[in-house]
């Protein structure tokens, strides 16, 4: 038995259209555009866009990343299943590694225009050494930090790394598809 993706898309589309007509709640929650067959087809542009959005939202520190990936992909006519699958490349706990890297990228960018929150490796070391003495000692060390600029560094780094990862995946898929 051979797997036929187009037949599967057609069956899902038929099922969802009949299901939608019988449920008011279903109609109000999911827009018709999500079930457009072109958003479920295996074609180069749609797959690349879906994968790019999926990875973008996988790197973004927001809850419900899959919903954002689906909506972004649908708005730009990308492949929805690929957006969902590529959004799931993030595993629980990877943010512990990613957030410091995103902060570092944002700090480097803002540092290039002479804006700094005051966080550097010496401050991080001092806060870690103060941690055993209690929260008050740690807060005293961290009191020198400008929290607004620190937040801006993290936000800018998140946008920068998420966008770079999404564009990289999009470009790689487009190049690989042309190489066939």
N, C-alpha and C. Protein backbone atom coordinates (compact mmCIF):
# COMPACT_ATOMS: atom_id res chain seq x y z
N UNK A 1 0.84 -1.18 0.00
CA UNK A 1 0.00 0.00 0.00
C UNK A 1 0.89 1.24 0.00
N UNK A 2 0.70 2.09 -0.99
CA UNK A 2 1.52 3.28 -1.16
C UNK A 2 0.87 4.47 -0.47
N UNK A 3 1.67 5.25 0.26
CA UNK A 3 1.17 6.44 0.95
C UNK A 3 1.03 7.57 -0.07
N UNK A 4 -0.13 8.18 -0.10
CA UNK A 4 -0.38 9.28 -1.02
C UNK A 4 -0.77 10.51 -0.20
N UNK A 5 0.13 11.45 -0.14
CA UNK A 5 -0.06 12.65 0.66
C UNK A 5 -1.25 13.47 0.17
N UNK A 6 -1.42 13.58 -1.16
CA UNK A 6 -2.53 14.37 -1.70
C UNK A 6 -3.88 13.78 -1.33
N UNK A 7 -3.98 12.44 -1.33
CA UNK A 7 -5.24 11.81 -0.92
C UNK A 7 -5.52 12.09 0.54
N UNK A 8 -4.49 12.05 1.38
CA UNK A 8 -4.65 12.35 2.80
C UNK A 8 -5.14 13.77 3.00
N UNK A 9 -4.54 14.72 2.29
CA UNK A 9 -4.95 16.12 2.39
C UNK A 9 -6.41 16.26 1.97
N UNK A 10 -6.80 15.58 0.90
CA UNK A 10 -8.18 15.65 0.43
C UNK A 10 -9.15 15.08 1.46
N UNK A 11 -8.79 13.96 2.07
CA UNK A 11 -9.66 13.35 3.08
C UNK A 11 -9.78 14.22 4.32
N UNK A 12 -8.67 14.80 4.77
CA UNK A 12 -8.69 15.69 5.93
C UNK A 12 -9.54 16.91 5.62
N UNK A 13 -9.37 17.47 4.43
CA UNK A 13 -10.15 18.64 4.04
C UNK A 13 -11.65 18.32 4.02
N UNK A 14 -12.01 17.19 3.45
CA UNK A 14 -13.43 16.79 3.40
C UNK A 14 -13.98 16.58 4.79
N UNK A 15 -13.21 15.89 5.63
CA UNK A 15 -13.67 15.63 7.00
C UNK A 15 -13.86 16.94 7.77
N UNK A 16 -12.89 17.82 7.68
CA UNK A 16 -12.97 19.06 8.43
C UNK A 16 -14.10 19.96 7.93
N UNK A 17 -14.34 19.99 6.65
CA UNK A 17 -15.43 20.80 6.12
C UNK A 17 -16.79 20.27 6.57
N UNK A 18 -16.97 18.95 6.60
CA UNK A 18 -18.26 18.41 7.07
C UNK A 18 -18.38 18.59 8.57
N UNK A 19 -17.29 18.46 9.27
CA UNK A 19 -17.30 18.63 10.73
C UNK A 19 -17.61 20.08 11.09
N UNK A 20 -17.03 21.01 10.35
CA UNK A 20 -17.24 22.43 10.63
C UNK A 20 -18.69 22.83 10.45
N UNK A 21 -19.33 22.25 9.45
CA UNK A 21 -20.71 22.65 9.20
C UNK A 21 -21.65 22.17 10.30
N UNK A 22 -21.22 21.19 11.10
CA UNK A 22 -22.11 20.65 12.12
C UNK A 22 -21.83 21.20 13.52
N UNK A 23 -20.86 22.06 13.66
CA UNK A 23 -20.49 22.53 15.01
C UNK A 23 -20.28 24.04 15.01
N UNK A 24 -21.08 24.73 15.77
CA UNK A 24 -20.92 26.19 15.86
C UNK A 24 -19.65 26.57 16.60
N UNK A 25 -19.32 25.85 17.67
CA UNK A 25 -18.10 26.14 18.42
C UNK A 25 -16.88 25.98 17.52
N UNK A 26 -16.86 24.90 16.76
CA UNK A 26 -15.76 24.63 15.84
C UNK A 26 -15.65 25.79 14.84
N UNK A 27 -16.77 26.25 14.32
CA UNK A 27 -16.77 27.35 13.35
C UNK A 27 -16.20 28.63 13.94
N UNK A 28 -16.49 28.89 15.20
CA UNK A 28 -16.03 30.14 15.79
C UNK A 28 -14.56 30.09 16.19
N UNK A 29 -14.02 28.92 16.45
CA UNK A 29 -12.63 28.83 16.91
C UNK A 29 -11.61 28.78 15.78
N UNK A 30 -11.96 28.13 14.69
CA UNK A 30 -10.99 27.94 13.61
C UNK A 30 -11.43 28.65 12.35
N UNK A 31 -10.62 29.56 11.85
CA UNK A 31 -11.00 30.27 10.63
C UNK A 31 -10.93 29.34 9.40
N UNK A 32 -11.73 29.65 8.43
CA UNK A 32 -11.81 28.86 7.19
C UNK A 32 -10.46 28.79 6.49
N UNK A 33 -9.67 29.83 6.60
CA UNK A 33 -8.40 29.91 5.89
C UNK A 33 -7.44 28.77 6.29
N UNK A 34 -7.53 28.30 7.52
CA UNK A 34 -6.63 27.22 7.95
C UNK A 34 -6.85 25.93 7.18
N UNK A 35 -8.01 25.77 6.56
CA UNK A 35 -8.31 24.53 5.87
C UNK A 35 -8.19 24.66 4.36
N UNK A 36 -7.58 25.74 3.91
CA UNK A 36 -7.33 25.90 2.48
C UNK A 36 -6.37 24.80 2.05
N UNK A 37 -6.69 24.02 1.04
CA UNK A 37 -5.83 22.89 0.64
C UNK A 37 -4.39 23.29 0.31
N UNK A 38 -4.19 24.49 -0.23
CA UNK A 38 -2.83 24.91 -0.59
C UNK A 38 -1.91 25.02 0.63
N UNK A 39 -2.48 25.20 1.82
CA UNK A 39 -1.67 25.31 3.04
C UNK A 39 -1.25 23.93 3.57
N UNK A 40 -1.71 22.88 2.92
CA UNK A 40 -1.38 21.53 3.37
C UNK A 40 -0.61 20.76 2.30
N UNK A 41 -0.30 21.39 1.18
CA UNK A 41 0.37 20.71 0.07
C UNK A 41 1.89 20.70 0.25
N UNK A 42 2.51 19.70 -0.34
CA UNK A 42 3.96 19.52 -0.27
C UNK A 42 4.56 20.20 -1.49
N UNK A 43 4.85 21.47 -1.37
CA UNK A 43 5.47 22.22 -2.46
C UNK A 43 6.58 23.10 -1.87
N UNK A 44 7.61 23.40 -2.67
CA UNK A 44 8.83 24.02 -2.14
C UNK A 44 8.63 25.29 -1.32
N UNK A 45 7.88 26.24 -1.87
CA UNK A 45 7.72 27.52 -1.17
C UNK A 45 6.97 27.35 0.14
N UNK A 46 5.87 26.62 0.12
CA UNK A 46 5.06 26.43 1.33
C UNK A 46 5.80 25.68 2.42
N UNK A 47 6.56 24.66 2.03
CA UNK A 47 7.32 23.89 3.02
C UNK A 47 8.41 24.75 3.65
N UNK A 48 9.09 25.53 2.83
CA UNK A 48 10.16 26.40 3.35
C UNK A 48 9.60 27.46 4.29
N UNK A 49 8.48 28.06 3.91
CA UNK A 49 7.87 29.08 4.77
C UNK A 49 7.38 28.45 6.08
N UNK A 50 6.72 27.31 6.00
CA UNK A 50 6.24 26.63 7.20
C UNK A 50 7.37 26.26 8.14
N UNK A 51 8.45 25.72 7.58
CA UNK A 51 9.59 25.34 8.41
C UNK A 51 10.26 26.56 9.04
N UNK A 52 10.36 27.64 8.27
CA UNK A 52 10.96 28.87 8.79
C UNK A 52 10.16 29.43 9.96
N UNK A 53 8.83 29.49 9.81
CA UNK A 53 8.00 30.00 10.90
C UNK A 53 8.05 29.06 12.10
N UNK A 54 8.06 27.76 11.85
CA UNK A 54 8.11 26.81 12.96
C UNK A 54 9.36 26.99 13.80
N UNK A 55 10.50 27.11 13.14
CA UNK A 55 11.77 27.29 13.86
C UNK A 55 11.82 28.66 14.52
N UNK A 56 11.31 29.69 13.84
CA UNK A 56 11.25 31.02 14.46
C UNK A 56 10.54 30.94 15.80
N UNK A 57 9.34 30.35 15.81
CA UNK A 57 8.56 30.29 17.06
C UNK A 57 9.14 29.29 18.05
N UNK A 58 9.88 28.30 17.59
CA UNK A 58 10.54 27.37 18.51
C UNK A 58 11.61 28.08 19.33
N UNK A 59 12.26 29.07 18.73
CA UNK A 59 13.31 29.81 19.43
C UNK A 59 12.75 30.96 20.27
N UNK A 60 11.53 31.33 20.03
CA UNK A 60 10.93 32.46 20.75
C UNK A 60 10.46 32.01 22.14
N UNK A 61 10.74 32.80 23.16
CA UNK A 61 10.34 32.42 24.52
C UNK A 61 8.90 32.81 24.83
N UNK A 62 7.96 32.21 24.12
CA UNK A 62 6.55 32.49 24.33
C UNK A 62 5.81 31.17 24.56
N UNK A 63 4.72 31.21 25.29
CA UNK A 63 3.91 29.99 25.42
C UNK A 63 3.10 29.76 24.14
N UNK A 64 2.61 28.57 23.98
CA UNK A 64 1.76 28.19 22.84
C UNK A 64 2.42 28.49 21.50
N UNK A 65 3.68 28.08 21.36
CA UNK A 65 4.44 28.36 20.15
C UNK A 65 3.79 27.75 18.91
N UNK A 66 3.17 26.59 19.06
CA UNK A 66 2.57 25.91 17.91
C UNK A 66 1.43 26.74 17.33
N UNK A 67 0.64 27.35 18.17
CA UNK A 67 -0.47 28.17 17.68
C UNK A 67 0.07 29.36 16.88
N UNK A 68 1.10 30.00 17.39
CA UNK A 68 1.70 31.12 16.67
C UNK A 68 2.31 30.66 15.35
N UNK A 69 2.93 29.47 15.34
CA UNK A 69 3.52 28.94 14.11
C UNK A 69 2.44 28.67 13.07
N UNK A 70 1.32 28.09 13.48
CA UNK A 70 0.21 27.81 12.55
C UNK A 70 -0.35 29.11 11.99
N UNK A 71 -0.62 30.08 12.85
CA UNK A 71 -1.20 31.35 12.39
C UNK A 71 -0.24 32.12 11.48
N UNK A 72 1.03 32.14 11.82
CA UNK A 72 2.02 32.83 10.98
C UNK A 72 2.15 32.14 9.63
N UNK A 73 2.18 30.82 9.66
CA UNK A 73 2.29 30.06 8.42
C UNK A 73 1.07 30.25 7.54
N UNK A 74 -0.10 30.24 8.13
CA UNK A 74 -1.32 30.44 7.35
C UNK A 74 -1.37 31.84 6.76
N UNK A 75 -0.93 32.83 7.51
CA UNK A 75 -0.96 34.22 7.02
C UNK A 75 -0.01 34.43 5.85
N UNK A 76 1.07 33.66 5.79
CA UNK A 76 2.06 33.83 4.72
C UNK A 76 2.01 32.69 3.72
N UNK A 77 0.96 31.87 3.77
CA UNK A 77 0.72 30.76 2.85
C UNK A 77 1.80 29.69 2.91
N UNK A 78 2.22 29.37 4.12
CA UNK A 78 3.18 28.29 4.33
C UNK A 78 2.48 26.98 4.66
N UNK A 79 3.22 25.90 4.65
CA UNK A 79 2.67 24.58 4.93
C UNK A 79 2.44 24.42 6.43
N UNK A 80 1.20 24.20 6.82
CA UNK A 80 0.84 24.14 8.25
C UNK A 80 1.43 22.92 8.95
N UNK A 81 1.33 21.69 8.40
CA UNK A 81 1.93 20.55 9.10
C UNK A 81 3.44 20.70 9.33
N UNK A 82 4.13 21.25 8.34
CA UNK A 82 5.58 21.45 8.49
C UNK A 82 5.86 22.50 9.56
N UNK A 83 5.04 23.54 9.64
CA UNK A 83 5.23 24.56 10.68
C UNK A 83 5.08 23.94 12.06
N UNK A 84 4.09 23.07 12.22
CA UNK A 84 3.87 22.42 13.52
C UNK A 84 5.05 21.52 13.87
N UNK A 85 5.45 20.69 12.94
CA UNK A 85 6.55 19.74 13.21
C UNK A 85 7.85 20.48 13.48
N UNK A 86 8.15 21.51 12.69
CA UNK A 86 9.41 22.23 12.91
C UNK A 86 9.37 23.08 14.18
N UNK A 87 8.20 23.44 14.62
CA UNK A 87 8.08 24.15 15.90
C UNK A 87 8.42 23.24 17.07
N UNK A 88 8.21 21.96 16.87
CA UNK A 88 8.47 21.00 17.94
C UNK A 88 9.94 20.59 18.04
N UNK A 89 10.85 21.25 17.31
CA UNK A 89 12.27 20.93 17.45
C UNK A 89 12.79 21.36 18.81
N UNK A 90 12.06 22.24 19.46
CA UNK A 90 12.48 22.69 20.79
C UNK A 90 12.06 21.65 21.82
N UNK A 91 12.96 21.33 22.69
CA UNK A 91 12.66 20.36 23.74
C UNK A 91 12.58 21.09 25.07
N UNK A 92 11.86 20.54 26.03
CA UNK A 92 11.75 21.21 27.33
C UNK A 92 13.12 21.39 27.96
N UNK A 93 13.37 22.56 28.43
CA UNK A 93 14.64 22.83 29.11
C UNK A 93 15.70 23.47 28.24
N UNK A 94 15.49 23.50 26.91
CA UNK A 94 16.52 24.09 26.06
C UNK A 94 16.64 25.60 26.29
N UNK A 95 15.58 26.21 26.84
CA UNK A 95 15.60 27.65 27.07
C UNK A 95 16.69 28.03 28.08
N UNK A 96 17.03 27.11 28.97
CA UNK A 96 18.09 27.37 29.95
C UNK A 96 19.41 27.67 29.23
N UNK A 97 19.60 27.03 28.09
CA UNK A 97 20.81 27.27 27.29
C UNK A 97 20.60 28.46 26.36
N UNK A 98 19.40 28.55 25.80
CA UNK A 98 19.15 29.55 24.76
C UNK A 98 19.03 30.97 25.29
N UNK A 99 18.38 31.18 26.42
CA UNK A 99 18.19 32.54 26.93
C UNK A 99 19.50 33.28 27.19
N UNK A 100 20.49 32.65 27.82
CA UNK A 100 21.76 33.39 27.97
C UNK A 100 22.39 33.75 26.62
N UNK A 101 22.26 32.86 25.63
CA UNK A 101 22.81 33.17 24.31
C UNK A 101 22.03 34.30 23.65
N UNK A 102 20.72 34.29 23.83
CA UNK A 102 19.91 35.37 23.27
C UNK A 102 20.21 36.69 23.97
N UNK A 103 20.36 36.65 25.29
CA UNK A 103 20.73 37.87 26.02
C UNK A 103 22.07 38.39 25.51
N UNK A 104 23.05 37.47 25.34
CA UNK A 104 24.38 37.86 24.89
C UNK A 104 24.32 38.52 23.52
N UNK A 105 23.50 37.97 22.60
CA UNK A 105 23.38 38.55 21.26
C UNK A 105 22.78 39.96 21.35
N UNK A 106 21.73 40.12 22.17
CA UNK A 106 21.12 41.44 22.33
C UNK A 106 22.06 42.42 23.02
N UNK A 107 22.81 41.94 24.02
CA UNK A 107 23.76 42.81 24.72
C UNK A 107 24.87 43.26 23.79
N UNK A 108 25.32 42.36 22.93
CA UNK A 108 26.38 42.72 21.98
C UNK A 108 25.87 43.77 20.99
N UNK A 109 24.63 43.61 20.55
CA UNK A 109 24.07 44.57 19.60
C UNK A 109 23.85 45.94 20.26
N UNK A 110 23.25 45.94 21.45
CA UNK A 110 23.05 47.22 22.14
C UNK A 110 24.38 47.81 22.61
N UNK A 111 25.33 46.95 22.95
CA UNK A 111 26.65 47.44 23.36
C UNK A 111 27.37 48.14 22.22
N UNK A 112 27.05 47.76 20.99
CA UNK A 112 27.69 48.42 19.85
C UNK A 112 27.23 49.87 19.69
N UNK A 113 26.10 50.22 20.33
CA UNK A 113 25.67 51.62 20.31
C UNK A 113 25.78 52.24 21.72
N UNK A 114 26.64 51.65 22.52
CA UNK A 114 26.98 52.15 23.86
C UNK A 114 25.82 52.13 24.84
N UNK A 115 24.96 51.12 24.73
CA UNK A 115 23.90 50.92 25.74
C UNK A 115 24.20 49.61 26.45
N UNK A 116 24.18 49.65 27.77
CA UNK A 116 24.47 48.44 28.52
C UNK A 116 23.65 48.41 29.80
N UNK A 117 23.22 47.23 30.15
CA UNK A 117 22.44 47.07 31.38
C UNK A 117 23.34 47.01 32.61
N UNK A 118 24.62 46.82 32.38
CA UNK A 118 25.56 46.71 33.49
C UNK A 118 25.89 45.26 33.83
N UNK A 119 25.26 44.32 33.16
CA UNK A 119 25.54 42.91 33.42
C UNK A 119 26.76 42.50 32.63
N UNK A 120 27.71 41.91 33.32
CA UNK A 120 28.87 41.31 32.69
C UNK A 120 29.27 40.08 33.49
N UNK A 121 30.31 39.41 33.07
CA UNK A 121 30.69 38.16 33.73
C UNK A 121 31.10 38.38 35.19
N UNK A 122 31.71 39.50 35.49
CA UNK A 122 32.09 39.79 36.88
C UNK A 122 30.86 39.94 37.77
N UNK A 123 29.82 40.60 37.26
CA UNK A 123 28.59 40.76 38.03
C UNK A 123 27.90 39.41 38.23
N UNK A 124 27.88 38.59 37.20
CA UNK A 124 27.28 37.26 37.31
C UNK A 124 28.04 36.42 38.33
N UNK A 125 29.36 36.51 38.31
CA UNK A 125 30.18 35.77 39.27
C UNK A 125 29.91 36.26 40.69
N UNK A 126 29.82 37.58 40.86
CA UNK A 126 29.55 38.14 42.19
C UNK A 126 28.17 37.72 42.70
N UNK A 127 27.17 37.68 41.82
CA UNK A 127 25.83 37.25 42.22
C UNK A 127 25.83 35.77 42.60
N UNK A 128 26.58 34.96 41.87
CA UNK A 128 26.66 33.53 42.19
C UNK A 128 27.37 33.31 43.53
N UNK A 129 28.38 34.11 43.81
CA UNK A 129 29.08 33.99 45.10
C UNK A 129 28.21 34.50 46.24
N UNK A 130 27.32 35.46 45.97
CA UNK A 130 26.45 35.99 47.01
C UNK A 130 25.23 35.11 47.27
N UNK A 131 24.93 34.21 46.36
CA UNK A 131 23.74 33.36 46.47
C UNK A 131 23.69 32.53 47.76
N UNK A 132 24.81 31.92 48.19
CA UNK A 132 24.74 31.15 49.44
C UNK A 132 24.45 32.02 50.67
N UNK A 133 24.72 33.31 50.60
CA UNK A 133 24.49 34.20 51.73
C UNK A 133 23.03 34.62 51.83
N UNK A 134 22.24 34.33 50.79
CA UNK A 134 20.81 34.64 50.84
C UNK A 134 20.37 35.58 49.74
N UNK A 135 19.09 35.72 49.66
CA UNK A 135 18.49 36.54 48.61
C UNK A 135 18.85 38.01 48.75
N UNK A 136 18.93 38.49 49.99
CA UNK A 136 19.24 39.91 50.20
C UNK A 136 20.62 40.26 49.65
N UNK A 137 21.60 39.38 49.86
CA UNK A 137 22.95 39.62 49.36
C UNK A 137 22.97 39.61 47.83
N UNK A 138 22.21 38.68 47.24
CA UNK A 138 22.15 38.61 45.79
C UNK A 138 21.48 39.85 45.19
N UNK A 139 20.40 40.30 45.83
CA UNK A 139 19.70 41.48 45.34
C UNK A 139 20.56 42.74 45.46
N UNK A 140 21.41 42.78 46.48
CA UNK A 140 22.30 43.92 46.63
C UNK A 140 23.29 43.98 45.46
N UNK A 141 23.80 42.82 45.08
CA UNK A 141 24.73 42.78 43.94
C UNK A 141 24.01 43.14 42.65
N UNK A 142 22.80 42.61 42.47
CA UNK A 142 22.05 42.84 41.24
C UNK A 142 21.39 44.21 41.20
N UNK A 143 21.47 44.96 42.28
CA UNK A 143 20.88 46.30 42.32
C UNK A 143 21.53 47.27 41.36
N UNK A 144 22.72 46.95 40.87
CA UNK A 144 23.42 47.83 39.94
C UNK A 144 22.95 47.66 38.50
N UNK A 145 22.03 46.72 38.27
CA UNK A 145 21.61 46.40 36.92
C UNK A 145 20.42 47.28 36.51
N UNK A 146 20.47 47.80 35.31
CA UNK A 146 19.35 48.53 34.73
C UNK A 146 18.41 47.49 34.11
N UNK A 147 17.29 47.22 34.77
CA UNK A 147 16.39 46.15 34.34
C UNK A 147 15.70 46.45 33.01
N UNK A 148 15.47 47.72 32.70
CA UNK A 148 14.85 48.06 31.43
C UNK A 148 15.77 47.72 30.26
N UNK A 149 17.01 48.08 30.39
CA UNK A 149 17.96 47.77 29.32
C UNK A 149 18.24 46.27 29.27
N UNK A 150 18.27 45.62 30.43
CA UNK A 150 18.45 44.16 30.45
C UNK A 150 17.30 43.47 29.72
N UNK A 151 16.08 43.94 29.93
CA UNK A 151 14.91 43.40 29.23
C UNK A 151 15.01 43.67 27.73
N UNK A 152 15.47 44.85 27.37
CA UNK A 152 15.63 45.19 25.96
C UNK A 152 16.69 44.32 25.31
N UNK A 153 17.78 44.04 26.05
CA UNK A 153 18.82 43.16 25.52
C UNK A 153 18.27 41.76 25.25
N UNK A 154 17.50 41.23 26.20
CA UNK A 154 16.93 39.90 26.02
C UNK A 154 15.92 39.88 24.89
N UNK A 155 15.04 40.87 24.82
CA UNK A 155 14.04 40.92 23.77
C UNK A 155 14.68 41.05 22.39
N UNK A 156 15.64 41.94 22.28
CA UNK A 156 16.34 42.12 21.01
C UNK A 156 17.08 40.85 20.60
N UNK A 157 17.71 40.20 21.58
CA UNK A 157 18.40 38.95 21.29
C UNK A 157 17.45 37.85 20.86
N UNK A 158 16.27 37.79 21.48
CA UNK A 158 15.27 36.79 21.09
C UNK A 158 14.80 37.02 19.67
N UNK A 159 14.52 38.26 19.33
CA UNK A 159 14.07 38.58 17.97
C UNK A 159 15.16 38.28 16.96
N UNK A 160 16.39 38.66 17.31
CA UNK A 160 17.52 38.44 16.41
C UNK A 160 17.79 36.96 16.17
N UNK A 161 17.87 36.17 17.24
CA UNK A 161 18.19 34.75 17.08
C UNK A 161 17.03 33.97 16.46
N UNK A 162 15.80 34.31 16.84
CA UNK A 162 14.64 33.62 16.26
C UNK A 162 14.54 33.92 14.77
N UNK A 163 14.70 35.17 14.42
CA UNK A 163 14.65 35.54 13.01
C UNK A 163 15.78 34.92 12.20
N UNK A 164 16.98 34.93 12.77
CA UNK A 164 18.12 34.34 12.06
C UNK A 164 17.92 32.83 11.86
N UNK A 165 17.43 32.15 12.89
CA UNK A 165 17.20 30.70 12.77
C UNK A 165 16.11 30.40 11.75
N UNK A 166 15.02 31.16 11.79
CA UNK A 166 13.94 30.96 10.83
C UNK A 166 14.38 31.22 9.40
N UNK A 167 15.11 32.31 9.16
CA UNK A 167 15.60 32.61 7.82
C UNK A 167 16.62 31.58 7.34
N UNK A 168 17.44 31.09 8.25
CA UNK A 168 18.43 30.07 7.90
C UNK A 168 17.74 28.79 7.45
N UNK A 169 16.74 28.34 8.20
CA UNK A 169 16.01 27.12 7.84
C UNK A 169 15.28 27.32 6.51
N UNK A 170 14.62 28.47 6.35
CA UNK A 170 13.93 28.76 5.10
C UNK A 170 14.91 28.69 3.93
N UNK A 171 16.06 29.34 4.05
CA UNK A 171 17.05 29.38 2.98
C UNK A 171 17.61 28.00 2.67
N UNK A 172 17.89 27.22 3.70
CA UNK A 172 18.44 25.88 3.49
C UNK A 172 17.43 25.00 2.75
N UNK A 173 16.17 25.05 3.14
CA UNK A 173 15.16 24.23 2.47
C UNK A 173 14.99 24.67 1.01
N UNK A 174 14.98 25.96 0.77
CA UNK A 174 14.86 26.43 -0.62
C UNK A 174 16.05 25.98 -1.45
N UNK A 175 17.26 26.06 -0.88
CA UNK A 175 18.46 25.62 -1.62
C UNK A 175 18.45 24.12 -1.86
N UNK A 176 18.09 23.34 -0.85
CA UNK A 176 18.05 21.89 -1.01
C UNK A 176 16.99 21.46 -2.03
N UNK A 177 15.88 22.16 -2.05
CA UNK A 177 14.83 21.80 -2.99
C UNK A 177 15.26 22.09 -4.42
N UNK A 178 16.02 23.17 -4.62
CA UNK A 178 16.53 23.49 -5.96
C UNK A 178 17.60 22.52 -6.40
N UNK A 179 18.35 21.96 -5.44
CA UNK A 179 19.46 21.05 -5.75
C UNK A 179 18.97 19.71 -6.27
N UNK A 180 17.68 19.41 -6.07
CA UNK A 180 17.14 18.11 -6.52
C UNK A 180 17.27 17.93 -8.00
